[in-house]
Structure formats: C-alpha cells, structure tokens
Amino acid sequence: MLRLARDEDTDVPIPGSGRVYWTALVALATGTLLVLGFFAGSLTAMVDFATIVSFITAPILGWLNLRAVTSQEVPPEHRPGRGMLTLSWVGLLLLGGTAVVYAVSLLG
C-alpha cells in the first residue's frame, strides 16, 4: 500500500522561484516557436535536429540525474545502492559512447 508523507511540509517556497519559473517557461515557449518556425518547410531537417539534440543531451541529462539522486539533499536511505550506481555508470558510458558514434557518423 502506498503511504504518503503528509506530516512533513515539503512545499517550502524558494525565494525568487516564481520569477525563474516564468522566465524559463517563456524561454522554452519562445525557443519552441523559433525551432518550429525555422523548420516549418522541412520535416526531415526538424527530425534530424531533434535526433542530434537528443543524442547529444542524453548523457548530460543522465549525469545530472545521477548527480541529483546521489546528492547530500537525498537522505542516505533513499539513494541508489552499489548495484544501481554501477548500472547507472554503465548506462552513462553507453549513452556517451552512442553519442560519440552518432556524432562521428554525422561527420563522416
């Protein structure tokens, strides 16, 4: 059965976080409209762009995620164990290797 921690106040406001949120949201919407406008005439070019961005950013986002779940802000009992950390690093190496192979295939 799922137990929710309703006793703890986890919604502590961060000063200035509303401004950062709205700035990021506007930047994301603007970037999306620019990309869609730029690639409006060529669906193939847009798919190529999305593929390149995905392959290049996947290892970076994976590393940021691993850094987040192993940080001091996460209680030790909720951090991944040794096996999961090993699997995470293997996955990051595979993601990085795939990104390198993909980048080389684009150049060659």
PDB file of N, CA and C in Angstrom:
ATOM      1  N   MET A   1       0.845  -1.175   0.000  1.00  0.00           N
ATOM      2  CA  MET A   1       0.000   0.000   0.000  1.00  0.00           C
ATOM      3  C   MET A   1       0.891   1.240   0.000  1.00  0.00           C
ATOM      4  N   LEU A   2       0.486   2.234  -0.742  1.00  0.00           N
ATOM      5  CA  LEU A   2       1.236   3.480  -0.853  1.00  0.00           C
ATOM      6  C   LEU A   2       0.960   4.361   0.360  1.00  0.00           C
ATOM      7  N   ARG A   3       2.039   4.790   0.987  1.00  0.00           N
ATOM      8  CA  ARG A   3       1.899   5.666   2.146  1.00  0.00           C
ATOM      9  C   ARG A   3       2.472   7.028   1.802  1.00  0.00           C
ATOM     10  N   LEU A   4       1.683   8.049   1.935  1.00  0.00           N
ATOM     11  CA  LEU A   4       2.127   9.405   1.637  1.00  0.00           C
ATOM     12  C   LEU A   4       2.569  10.099   2.914  1.00  0.00           C
ATOM     13  N   ALA A   5       3.641  10.855   2.806  1.00  0.00           N
ATOM     14  CA  ALA A   5       4.156  11.598   3.961  1.00  0.00           C
ATOM     15  C   ALA A   5       3.451  12.941   4.040  1.00  0.00           C
ATOM     16  N   ARG A   6       2.283  12.949   4.643  1.00  0.00           N
ATOM     17  CA  ARG A   6       1.508  14.186   4.742  1.00  0.00           C
ATOM     18  C   ARG A   6       1.904  15.008   5.964  1.00  0.00           C
ATOM     19  N   ASP A   7       2.663  14.415   6.870  1.00  0.00           N
ATOM     20  CA  ASP A   7       3.056  15.127   8.080  1.00  0.00           C
ATOM     21  C   ASP A   7       4.163  16.137   7.815  1.00  0.00           C
ATOM     22  N   GLU A   8       4.947  15.894   6.779  1.00  0.00           N
ATOM     23  CA  GLU A   8       6.089  16.757   6.503  1.00  0.00           C
ATOM     24  C   GLU A   8       5.703  17.863   5.532  1.00  0.00           C
ATOM     25  N   ASP A   9       6.223  19.059   5.787  1.00  0.00           N
ATOM     26  CA  ASP A   9       5.985  20.190   4.895  1.00  0.00           C
ATOM     27  C   ASP A   9       7.078  20.203   3.831  1.00  0.00           C
ATOM     28  N   THR A  10       6.776  19.637   2.673  1.00  0.00           N
ATOM     29  CA  THR A  10       7.767  19.575   1.596  1.00  0.00           C
ATOM     30  C   THR A  10       7.609  20.716   0.604  1.00  0.00           C
ATOM     31  N   ASP A  11       6.578  21.509   0.756  1.00  0.00           N
ATOM     32  CA  ASP A  11       6.326  22.615  -0.170  1.00  0.00           C
ATOM     33  C   ASP A  11       6.861  23.924   0.395  1.00  0.00           C
ATOM     34  N   VAL A  12       8.130  23.943   0.698  1.00  0.00           N
ATOM     35  CA  VAL A  12       8.759  25.150   1.222  1.00  0.00           C
ATOM     36  C   VAL A  12       9.082  26.053   0.042  1.00  0.00           C
ATOM     37  N   PRO A  13       8.533  27.272   0.022  1.00  0.00           N
ATOM     38  CA  PRO A  13       8.788  28.158  -1.117  1.00  0.00           C
ATOM     39  C   PRO A  13      10.246  28.609  -1.168  1.00  0.00           C
ATOM     40  N   ILE A  14      10.787  28.657  -2.365  1.00  0.00           N
ATOM     41  CA  ILE A  14      12.145  29.141  -2.582  1.00  0.00           C
ATOM     42  C   ILE A  14      12.034  30.583  -3.055  1.00  0.00           C
ATOM     43  N   PRO A  15      12.715  31.510  -2.388  1.00  0.00           N
ATOM     44  CA  PRO A  15      12.621  32.921  -2.788  1.00  0.00           C
ATOM     45  C   PRO A  15      13.031  33.124  -4.244  1.00  0.00           C
ATOM     46  N   GLY A  16      12.197  33.818  -4.997  1.00  0.00           N
ATOM     47  CA  GLY A  16      12.503  34.113  -6.394  1.00  0.00           C
ATOM     48  C   GLY A  16      12.205  32.983  -7.355  1.00  0.00           C
ATOM     49  N   SER A  17      11.691  31.852  -6.859  1.00  0.00           N
ATOM     50  CA  SER A  17      11.473  30.712  -7.745  1.00  0.00           C
ATOM     51  C   SER A  17      10.345  30.974  -8.742  1.00  0.00           C
ATOM     52  N   GLY A  18       9.376  31.798  -8.396  1.00  0.00           N
ATOM     53  CA  GLY A  18       8.298  32.115  -9.325  1.00  0.00           C
ATOM     54  C   GLY A  18       8.807  32.863 -10.541  1.00  0.00           C
ATOM     55  N   ARG A  19       9.718  33.785 -10.335  1.00  0.00           N
ATOM     56  CA  ARG A  19      10.300  34.560 -11.426  1.00  0.00           C
ATOM     57  C   ARG A  19      11.132  33.652 -12.333  1.00  0.00           C
ATOM     58  N   VAL A  20      11.912  32.764 -11.731  1.00  0.00           N
ATOM     59  CA  VAL A  20      12.732  31.830 -12.512  1.00  0.00           C
ATOM     60  C   VAL A  20      11.837  30.911 -13.333  1.00  0.00           C
ATOM     61  N   TYR A  21      10.762  30.420 -12.729  1.00  0.00           N
ATOM     62  CA  TYR A  21       9.829  29.532 -13.420  1.00  0.00           C
ATOM     63  C   TYR A  21       9.233  30.213 -14.647  1.00  0.00           C
ATOM     64  N   TRP A  22       8.719  31.412 -14.469  1.00  0.00           N
ATOM     65  CA  TRP A  22       8.068  32.098 -15.582  1.00  0.00           C
ATOM     66  C   TRP A  22       9.068  32.500 -16.664  1.00  0.00           C
ATOM     67  N   THR A  23      10.270  32.870 -16.269  1.00  0.00           N
ATOM     68  CA  THR A  23      11.308  33.186 -17.252  1.00  0.00           C
ATOM     69  C   THR A  23      11.665  31.947 -18.063  1.00  0.00           C
ATOM     70  N   ALA A  24      11.829  30.816 -17.379  1.00  0.00           N
ATOM     71  CA  ALA A  24      12.151  29.567 -18.071  1.00  0.00           C
ATOM     72  C   ALA A  24      11.004  29.137 -18.981  1.00  0.00           C
ATOM     73  N   LEU A  25       9.775  29.313 -18.526  1.00  0.00           N
ATOM     74  CA  LEU A  25       8.615  28.931 -19.331  1.00  0.00           C
ATOM     75  C   LEU A  25       8.521  29.772 -20.599  1.00  0.00           C
ATOM     76  N   VAL A  26       8.735  31.069 -20.481  1.00  0.00           N
ATOM     77  CA  VAL A  26       8.707  31.955 -21.651  1.00  0.00           C
ATOM     78  C   VAL A  26       9.857  31.617 -22.595  1.00  0.00           C
ATOM     79  N   ALA A  27      11.045  31.350 -22.050  1.00  0.00           N
ATOM     80  CA  ALA A  27      12.197  30.988 -22.885  1.00  0.00           C
ATOM     81  C   ALA A  27      11.936  29.681 -23.625  1.00  0.00           C
ATOM     82  N   LEU A  28      11.346  28.708 -22.949  1.00  0.00           N
ATOM     83  CA  LEU A  28      11.034  27.428 -23.580  1.00  0.00           C
ATOM     84  C   LEU A  28       9.999  27.595 -24.691  1.00  0.00           C
ATOM     85  N   ALA A  29       8.959  28.362 -24.428  1.00  0.00           N
ATOM     86  CA  ALA A  29       7.933  28.593 -25.446  1.00  0.00           C
ATOM     87  C   ALA A  29       8.506  29.347 -26.640  1.00  0.00           C
ATOM     88  N   THR A  30       9.338  30.344 -26.380  1.00  0.00           N
ATOM     89  CA  THR A  30       9.963  31.109 -27.460  1.00  0.00           C
ATOM     90  C   THR A  30      10.879  30.223 -28.288  1.00  0.00           C
ATOM     91  N   GLY A  31      11.694  29.422 -27.611  1.00  0.00           N
ATOM     92  CA  GLY A  31      12.590  28.504 -28.320  1.00  0.00           C
ATOM     93  C   GLY A  31      11.825  27.504 -29.167  1.00  0.00           C
ATOM     94  N   THR A  32      10.733  26.993 -28.633  1.00  0.00           N
ATOM     95  CA  THR A  32       9.905  26.040 -29.376  1.00  0.00           C
ATOM     96  C   THR A  32       9.333  26.681 -30.632  1.00  0.00           C
ATOM     97  N   LEU A  33       8.808  27.886 -30.491  1.00  0.00           N
ATOM     98  CA  LEU A  33       8.249  28.577 -31.656  1.00  0.00           C
ATOM     99  C   LEU A  33       9.321  28.892 -32.695  1.00  0.00           C
ATOM    100  N   LEU A  34      10.514  29.266 -32.243  1.00  0.00           N
ATOM    101  CA  LEU A  34      11.610  29.539 -33.179  1.00  0.00           C
ATOM    102  C   LEU A  34      12.019  28.281 -33.940  1.00  0.00           C
ATOM    103  N   VAL A  35      12.139  27.169 -33.236  1.00  0.00           N
ATOM    104  CA  VAL A  35      12.517  25.908 -33.893  1.00  0.00           C
ATOM    105  C   VAL A  35      11.435  25.480 -34.873  1.00  0.00           C
ATOM    106  N   LEU A  36      10.179  25.552 -34.460  1.00  0.00           N
ATOM    107  CA  LEU A  36       9.087  25.176 -35.368  1.00  0.00           C
ATOM    108  C   LEU A  36       9.036  26.095 -36.581  1.00  0.00           C
ATOM    109  N   GLY A  37       9.241  27.391 -36.368  1.00  0.00           N
ATOM    110  CA  GLY A  37       9.243  28.329 -37.489  1.00  0.00           C
ATOM    111  C   GLY A  37      10.404  28.103 -38.430  1.00  0.00           C
ATOM    112  N   PHE A  38      11.561  27.813 -37.879  1.00  0.00           N
ATOM    113  CA  PHE A  38      12.754  27.597 -38.697  1.00  0.00           C
ATOM    114  C   PHE A  38      12.628  26.340 -39.545  1.00  0.00           C
ATOM    115  N   PHE A  39      12.037  25.283 -38.980  1.00  0.00           N
ATOM    116  CA  PHE A  39      11.936  24.008 -39.686  1.00  0.00           C
ATOM    117  C   PHE A  39      10.555  23.767 -40.295  1.00  0.00           C
ATOM    118  N   ALA A  40       9.747  24.807 -40.424  1.00  0.00           N
ATOM    119  CA  ALA A  40       8.385  24.633 -40.933  1.00  0.00           C
ATOM    120  C   ALA A  40       8.354  24.039 -42.333  1.00  0.00           C
ATOM    121  N   GLY A  41       9.347  24.341 -43.148  1.00  0.00           N
ATOM    122  CA  GLY A  41       9.342  23.852 -44.524  1.00  0.00           C
ATOM    123  C   GLY A  41       9.934  22.474 -44.713  1.00  0.00           C
ATOM    124  N   SER A  42      10.612  21.949 -43.710  1.00  0.00           N
ATOM    125  CA  SER A  42      11.292  20.672 -43.892  1.00  0.00           C
ATOM    126  C   SER A  42      11.167  19.806 -42.644  1.00  0.00           C
ATOM    127  N   LEU A  43      10.282  18.841 -42.714  1.00  0.00           N
ATOM    128  CA  LEU A  43      10.086  17.931 -41.595  1.00  0.00           C
ATOM    129  C   LEU A  43      11.326  17.064 -41.375  1.00  0.00           C
ATOM    130  N   THR A  44      11.995  16.678 -42.455  1.00  0.00           N
ATOM    131  CA  THR A  44      13.206  15.855 -42.340  1.00  0.00           C
ATOM    132  C   THR A  44      14.294  16.592 -41.567  1.00  0.00           C
ATOM    133  N   ALA A  45      14.490  17.865 -41.857  1.00  0.00           N
ATOM    134  CA  ALA A  45      15.503  18.653 -41.150  1.00  0.00           C
ATOM    135  C   ALA A  45      15.147  18.786 -39.671  1.00  0.00           C
ATOM    136  N   MET A  46      13.852  18.939 -39.364  1.00  0.00           N
ATOM    137  CA  MET A  46      13.436  19.064 -37.976  1.00  0.00           C
ATOM    138  C   MET A  46      13.676  17.751 -37.223  1.00  0.00           C
ATOM    139  N   VAL A  47      13.381  16.622 -37.843  1.00  0.00           N
ATOM    140  CA  VAL A  47      13.629  15.326 -37.205  1.00  0.00           C
ATOM    141  C   VAL A  47      15.131  15.114 -37.008  1.00  0.00           C
ATOM    142  N   ASP A  48      15.934  15.497 -37.995  1.00  0.00           N
ATOM    143  CA  ASP A  48      17.392  15.397 -37.854  1.00  0.00           C
ATOM    144  C   ASP A  48      17.886  16.252 -36.690  1.00  0.00           C
ATOM    145  N   PHE A  49      17.382  17.469 -36.590  1.00  0.00           N
ATOM    146  CA  PHE A  49      17.764  18.363 -35.492  1.00  0.00           C
ATOM    147  C   PHE A  49      17.378  17.755 -34.143  1.00  0.00           C
ATOM    148  N   ALA A  50      16.154  17.243 -34.042  1.00  0.00           N
ATOM    149  CA  ALA A  50      15.693  16.645 -32.785  1.00  0.00           C
ATOM    150  C   ALA A  50      16.536  15.427 -32.414  1.00  0.00           C
ATOM    151  N   THR A  51      16.913  14.632 -33.409  1.00  0.00           N
ATOM    152  CA  THR A  51      17.737  13.452 -33.153  1.00  0.00           C
ATOM    153  C   THR A  51      19.117  13.850 -32.653  1.00  0.00           C
ATOM    154  N   ILE A  52      19.715  14.838 -33.292  1.00  0.00           N
ATOM    155  CA  ILE A  52      21.041  15.301 -32.876  1.00  0.00           C
ATOM    156  C   ILE A  52      20.993  15.834 -31.446  1.00  0.00           C
ATOM    157  N   VAL A  53      20.015  16.672 -31.158  1.00  0.00           N
ATOM    158  CA  VAL A  53      19.892  17.242 -29.810  1.00  0.00           C
ATOM    159  C   VAL A  53      19.669  16.132 -28.781  1.00  0.00           C
ATOM    160  N   SER A  54      18.850  15.145 -29.119  1.00  0.00           N
ATOM    161  CA  SER A  54      18.581  14.044 -28.190  1.00  0.00           C
ATOM    162  C   SER A  54      19.831  13.233 -27.890  1.00  0.00           C
ATOM    163  N   PHE A  55      20.566  12.876 -28.927  1.00  0.00           N
ATOM    164  CA  PHE A  55      21.763  12.063 -28.722  1.00  0.00           C
ATOM    165  C   PHE A  55      22.835  12.816 -27.943  1.00  0.00           C
ATOM    166  N   ILE A  56      22.957  14.108 -28.177  1.00  0.00           N
ATOM    167  CA  ILE A  56      23.998  14.883 -27.509  1.00  0.00           C
ATOM    168  C   ILE A  56      23.620  15.199 -26.055  1.00  0.00           C
ATOM    169  N   THR A  57      22.353  15.472 -25.792  1.00  0.00           N
ATOM    170  CA  THR A  57      21.960  15.860 -24.435  1.00  0.00           C
ATOM    171  C   THR A  57      21.676  14.678 -23.514  1.00  0.00           C
ATOM    172  N   ALA A  58      21.416  13.495 -24.040  1.00  0.00           N
ATOM    173  CA  ALA A  58      21.071  12.345 -23.194  1.00  0.00           C
ATOM    174  C   ALA A  58      22.137  12.035 -22.143  1.00  0.00           C
ATOM    175  N   PRO A  59      23.426  11.959 -22.508  1.00  0.00           N
ATOM    176  CA  PRO A  59      24.420  11.684 -21.459  1.00  0.00           C
ATOM    177  C   PRO A  59      24.519  12.804 -20.420  1.00  0.00           C
ATOM    178  N   ILE A  60      24.330  14.033 -20.857  1.00  0.00           N
ATOM    179  CA  ILE A  60      24.398  15.169 -19.931  1.00  0.00           C
ATOM    180  C   ILE A  60      23.236  15.109 -18.944  1.00  0.00           C
ATOM    181  N   LEU A  61      22.037  14.868 -19.448  1.00  0.00           N
ATOM    182  CA  LEU A  61      20.868  14.781 -18.573  1.00  0.00           C
ATOM    183  C   LEU A  61      20.960  13.569 -17.652  1.00  0.00           C
ATOM    184  N   GLY A  62      21.489  12.457 -18.156  1.00  0.00           N
ATOM    185  CA  GLY A  62      21.686  11.276 -17.319  1.00  0.00           C
ATOM    186  C   GLY A  62      22.649  11.547 -16.178  1.00  0.00           C
ATOM    187  N   TRP A  63      23.744  12.247 -16.484  1.00  0.00           N
ATOM    188  CA  TRP A  63      24.720  12.581 -15.446  1.00  0.00           C
ATOM    189  C   TRP A  63      24.111  13.535 -14.417  1.00  0.00           C
ATOM    190  N   LEU A  64      23.340  14.531 -14.877  1.00  0.00           N
ATOM    191  CA  LEU A  64      22.686  15.453 -13.945  1.00  0.00           C
ATOM    192  C   LEU A  64      21.702  14.709 -13.041  1.00  0.00           C
ATOM    193  N   ASN A  65      20.981  13.748 -13.610  1.00  0.00           N
ATOM    194  CA  ASN A  65      20.042  12.957 -12.823  1.00  0.00           C
ATOM    195  C   ASN A  65      20.779  12.123 -11.773  1.00  0.00           C
ATOM    196  N   LEU A  66      21.878  11.487 -12.177  1.00  0.00           N
ATOM    197  CA  LEU A  66      22.665  10.695 -11.229  1.00  0.00           C
ATOM    198  C   LEU A  66      23.223  11.580 -10.119  1.00  0.00           C
ATOM    199  N   ARG A  67      23.684  12.753 -10.495  1.00  0.00           N
ATOM    200  CA  ARG A  67      24.202  13.702  -9.508  1.00  0.00           C
ATOM    201  C   ARG A  67      23.110  14.125  -8.522  1.00  0.00           C
ATOM    202  N   ALA A  68      21.889  14.290  -9.032  1.00  0.00           N
ATOM    203  CA  ALA A  68      20.780  14.715  -8.170  1.00  0.00           C
ATOM    204  C   ALA A  68      20.414  13.635  -7.155  1.00  0.00           C
ATOM    205  N   VAL A  69      20.314  12.378  -7.593  1.00  0.00           N
ATOM    206  CA  VAL A  69      19.880  11.319  -6.676  1.00  0.00           C
ATOM    207  C   VAL A  69      20.978  10.873  -5.723  1.00  0.00           C
ATOM    208  N   THR A  70      22.226  11.256  -5.988  1.00  0.00           N
ATOM    209  CA  THR A  70      23.318  10.903  -5.071  1.00  0.00           C
ATOM    210  C   THR A  70      23.790  12.103  -4.255  1.00  0.00           C
ATOM    211  N   SER A  71      23.075  13.221  -4.334  1.00  0.00           N
ATOM    212  CA  SER A  71      23.490  14.432  -3.619  1.00  0.00           C
ATOM    213  C   SER A  71      23.176  14.329  -2.128  1.00  0.00           C
ATOM    214  N   GLN A  72      23.711  15.260  -1.382  1.00  0.00           N
ATOM    215  CA  GLN A  72      23.502  15.289   0.065  1.00  0.00           C
ATOM    216  C   GLN A  72      22.054  15.625   0.433  1.00  0.00           C
ATOM    217  N   GLU A  73      21.304  16.220  -0.514  1.00  0.00           N
ATOM    218  CA  GLU A  73      19.907  16.566  -0.231  1.00  0.00           C
ATOM    219  C   GLU A  73      19.013  15.336  -0.161  1.00  0.00           C
ATOM    220  N   VAL A  74      19.463  14.232  -0.751  1.00  0.00           N
ATOM    221  CA  VAL A  74      18.698  12.989  -0.721  1.00  0.00           C
ATOM    222  C   VAL A  74      19.160  12.186   0.495  1.00  0.00           C
ATOM    223  N   PRO A  75      18.228  11.791   1.355  1.00  0.00           N
ATOM    224  CA  PRO A  75      18.632  11.007   2.532  1.00  0.00           C
ATOM    225  C   PRO A  75      19.343   9.716   2.109  1.00  0.00           C
ATOM    226  N   PRO A  76      20.335   9.289   2.879  1.00  0.00           N
ATOM    227  CA  PRO A  76      21.116   8.097   2.504  1.00  0.00           C
ATOM    228  C   PRO A  76      20.265   6.855   2.242  1.00  0.00           C
ATOM    229  N   GLU A  77      19.177   6.697   2.968  1.00  0.00           N
ATOM    230  CA  GLU A  77      18.343   5.502   2.778  1.00  0.00           C
ATOM    231  C   GLU A  77      17.568   5.535   1.458  1.00  0.00           C
ATOM    232  N   HIS A  78      17.493   6.700   0.824  1.00  0.00           N
ATOM    233  CA  HIS A  78      16.779   6.821  -0.451  1.00  0.00           C
ATOM    234  C   HIS A  78      17.717   6.905  -1.650  1.00  0.00           C
ATOM    235  N   ARG A  79      19.006   6.904  -1.405  1.00  0.00           N
ATOM    236  CA  ARG A  79      19.978   6.943  -2.502  1.00  0.00           C
ATOM    237  C   ARG A  79      20.123   5.556  -3.107  1.00  0.00           C
ATOM    238  N   PRO A  80      20.512   5.497  -4.383  1.00  0.00           N
ATOM    239  CA  PRO A  80      20.679   4.184  -5.014  1.00  0.00           C
ATOM    240  C   PRO A  80      21.828   3.402  -4.375  1.00  0.00           C
ATOM    241  N   GLY A  81      21.683   2.077  -4.376  1.00  0.00           N
ATOM    242  CA  GLY A  81      22.716   1.207  -3.827  1.00  0.00           C
ATOM    243  C   GLY A  81      23.868   1.025  -4.806  1.00  0.00           C
ATOM    244  N   ARG A  82      24.821   0.198  -4.393  1.00  0.00           N
ATOM    245  CA  ARG A  82      26.022  -0.022  -5.191  1.00  0.00           C
ATOM    246  C   ARG A  82      25.693  -0.610  -6.566  1.00  0.00           C
ATOM    247  N   GLY A  83      24.790  -1.577  -6.610  1.00  0.00           N
ATOM    248  CA  GLY A  83      24.418  -2.193  -7.888  1.00  0.00           C
ATOM    249  C   GLY A  83      23.771  -1.194  -8.840  1.00  0.00           C
ATOM    250  N   MET A  84      22.877  -0.379  -8.311  1.00  0.00           N
ATOM    251  CA  MET A  84      22.210   0.617  -9.149  1.00  0.00           C
ATOM    252  C   MET A  84      23.181   1.690  -9.612  1.00  0.00           C
ATOM    253  N   LEU A  85      24.124   2.063  -8.758  1.00  0.00           N
ATOM    254  CA  LEU A  85      25.142   3.039  -9.163  1.00  0.00           C
ATOM    255  C   LEU A  85      26.020   2.479 -10.278  1.00  0.00           C
ATOM    256  N   THR A  86      26.390   1.209 -10.151  1.00  0.00           N
ATOM    257  CA  THR A  86      27.185   0.569 -11.204  1.00  0.00           C
ATOM    258  C   THR A  86      26.404   0.551 -12.510  1.00  0.00           C
ATOM    259  N   LEU A  87      25.145   0.150 -12.439  1.00  0.00           N
ATOM    260  CA  LEU A  87      24.297   0.126 -13.630  1.00  0.00           C
ATOM    261  C   LEU A  87      24.137   1.526 -14.218  1.00  0.00           C
ATOM    262  N   SER A  88      24.024   2.530 -13.364  1.00  0.00           N
ATOM    263  CA  SER A  88      23.891   3.911 -13.835  1.00  0.00           C
ATOM    264  C   SER A  88      25.134   4.363 -14.587  1.00  0.00           C
ATOM    265  N   TRP A  89      26.313   4.055 -14.039  1.00  0.00           N
ATOM    266  CA  TRP A  89      27.559   4.451 -14.705  1.00  0.00           C
ATOM    267  C   TRP A  89      27.740   3.700 -16.021  1.00  0.00           C
ATOM    268  N   VAL A  90      27.363   2.427 -16.056  1.00  0.00           N
ATOM    269  CA  VAL A  90      27.433   1.674 -17.319  1.00  0.00           C
ATOM    270  C   VAL A  90      26.493   2.310 -18.342  1.00  0.00           C
ATOM    271  N   GLY A  91      25.292   2.660 -17.904  1.00  0.00           N
ATOM    272  CA  GLY A  91      24.343   3.320 -18.798  1.00  0.00           C
ATOM    273  C   GLY A  91      24.857   4.653 -19.311  1.00  0.00           C
ATOM    274  N   LEU A  92      25.487   5.430 -18.430  1.00  0.00           N
ATOM    275  CA  LEU A  92      26.055   6.714 -18.855  1.00  0.00           C
ATOM    276  C   LEU A  92      27.172   6.516 -19.871  1.00  0.00           C
ATOM    277  N   LEU A  93      28.007   5.504 -19.646  1.00  0.00           N
ATOM    278  CA  LEU A  93      29.072   5.216 -20.614  1.00  0.00           C
ATOM    279  C   LEU A  93      28.492   4.799 -21.963  1.00  0.00           C
ATOM    280  N   LEU A  94      27.437   3.984 -21.934  1.00  0.00           N
ATOM    281  CA  LEU A  94      26.796   3.577 -23.188  1.00  0.00           C
ATOM    282  C   LEU A  94      26.137   4.767 -23.889  1.00  0.00           C
ATOM    283  N   LEU A  95      25.483   5.624 -23.119  1.00  0.00           N
ATOM    284  CA  LEU A  95      24.883   6.826 -23.708  1.00  0.00           C
ATOM    285  C   LEU A  95      25.946   7.721 -24.326  1.00  0.00           C
ATOM    286  N   GLY A  96      27.031   7.920 -23.593  1.00  0.00           N
ATOM    287  CA  GLY A  96      28.126   8.745 -24.109  1.00  0.00           C
ATOM    288  C   GLY A  96      28.757   8.132 -25.344  1.00  0.00           C
ATOM    289  N   GLY A  97      28.978   6.825 -25.307  1.00  0.00           N
ATOM    290  CA  GLY A  97      29.546   6.138 -26.469  1.00  0.00           C
ATOM    291  C   GLY A  97      28.642   6.224 -27.679  1.00  0.00           C
ATOM    292  N   THR A  98      27.353   6.053 -27.457  1.00  0.00           N
ATOM    293  CA  THR A  98      26.395   6.160 -28.556  1.00  0.00           C
ATOM    294  C   THR A  98      26.390   7.570 -29.131  1.00  0.00           C
ATOM    295  N   ALA A  99      26.471   8.573 -28.270  1.00  0.00           N
ATOM    296  CA  ALA A  99      26.505   9.962 -28.740  1.00  0.00           C
ATOM    297  C   ALA A  99      27.753  10.218 -29.574  1.00  0.00           C
ATOM    298  N   VAL A 100      28.889   9.678 -29.142  1.00  0.00           N
ATOM    299  CA  VAL A 100      30.134   9.865 -29.897  1.00  0.00           C
ATOM    300  C   VAL A 100      30.047   9.166 -31.248  1.00  0.00           C
ATOM    301  N   VAL A 101      29.567   7.924 -31.256  1.00  0.00           N
ATOM    302  CA  VAL A 101      29.431   7.188 -32.523  1.00  0.00           C
ATOM    303  C   VAL A 101      28.480   7.927 -33.459  1.00  0.00           C
ATOM    304  N   TYR A 102      27.387   8.433 -32.919  1.00  0.00           N
ATOM    305  CA  TYR A 102      26.428   9.167 -33.745  1.00  0.00           C
ATOM    306  C   TYR A 102      27.056  10.441 -34.310  1.00  0.00           C
ATOM    307  N   ALA A 103      27.789  11.177 -33.470  1.00  0.00           N
ATOM    308  CA  ALA A 103      28.441  12.409 -33.937  1.00  0.00           C
ATOM    309  C   ALA A 103      29.469  12.102 -35.020  1.00  0.00           C
ATOM    310  N   VAL A 104      30.236  11.029 -34.845  1.00  0.00           N
ATOM    311  CA  VAL A 104      31.231  10.641 -35.852  1.00  0.00           C
ATOM    312  C   VAL A 104      30.545  10.230 -37.150  1.00  0.00           C
ATOM    313  N   SER A 105      29.414   9.536 -37.039  1.00  0.00           N
ATOM    314  CA  SER A 105      28.700   9.123 -38.257  1.00  0.00           C
ATOM    315  C   SER A 105      28.157  10.328 -39.022  1.00  0.00           C
ATOM    316  N   LEU A 106      27.815  11.388 -38.300  1.00  0.00           N
ATOM    317  CA  LEU A 106      27.346  12.603 -38.974  1.00  0.00           C
ATOM    318  C   LEU A 106      28.487  13.315 -39.692  1.00  0.00           C
ATOM    319  N   LEU A 107      29.664  13.287 -39.090  1.00  0.00           N
ATOM    320  CA  LEU A 107      30.815  13.974 -39.673  1.00  0.00           C
ATOM    321  C   LEU A 107      31.439  13.188 -40.819  1.00  0.00           C
ATOM    322  N   GLY A 108      31.315  11.872 -40.770  1.00  0.00           N
ATOM    323  CA  GLY A 108      31.995  11.050 -41.777  1.00  0.00           C
ATOM    324  C   GLY A 108      31.119  10.483 -42.775  1.00  0.00           C
TER     325      GLY A 108
END
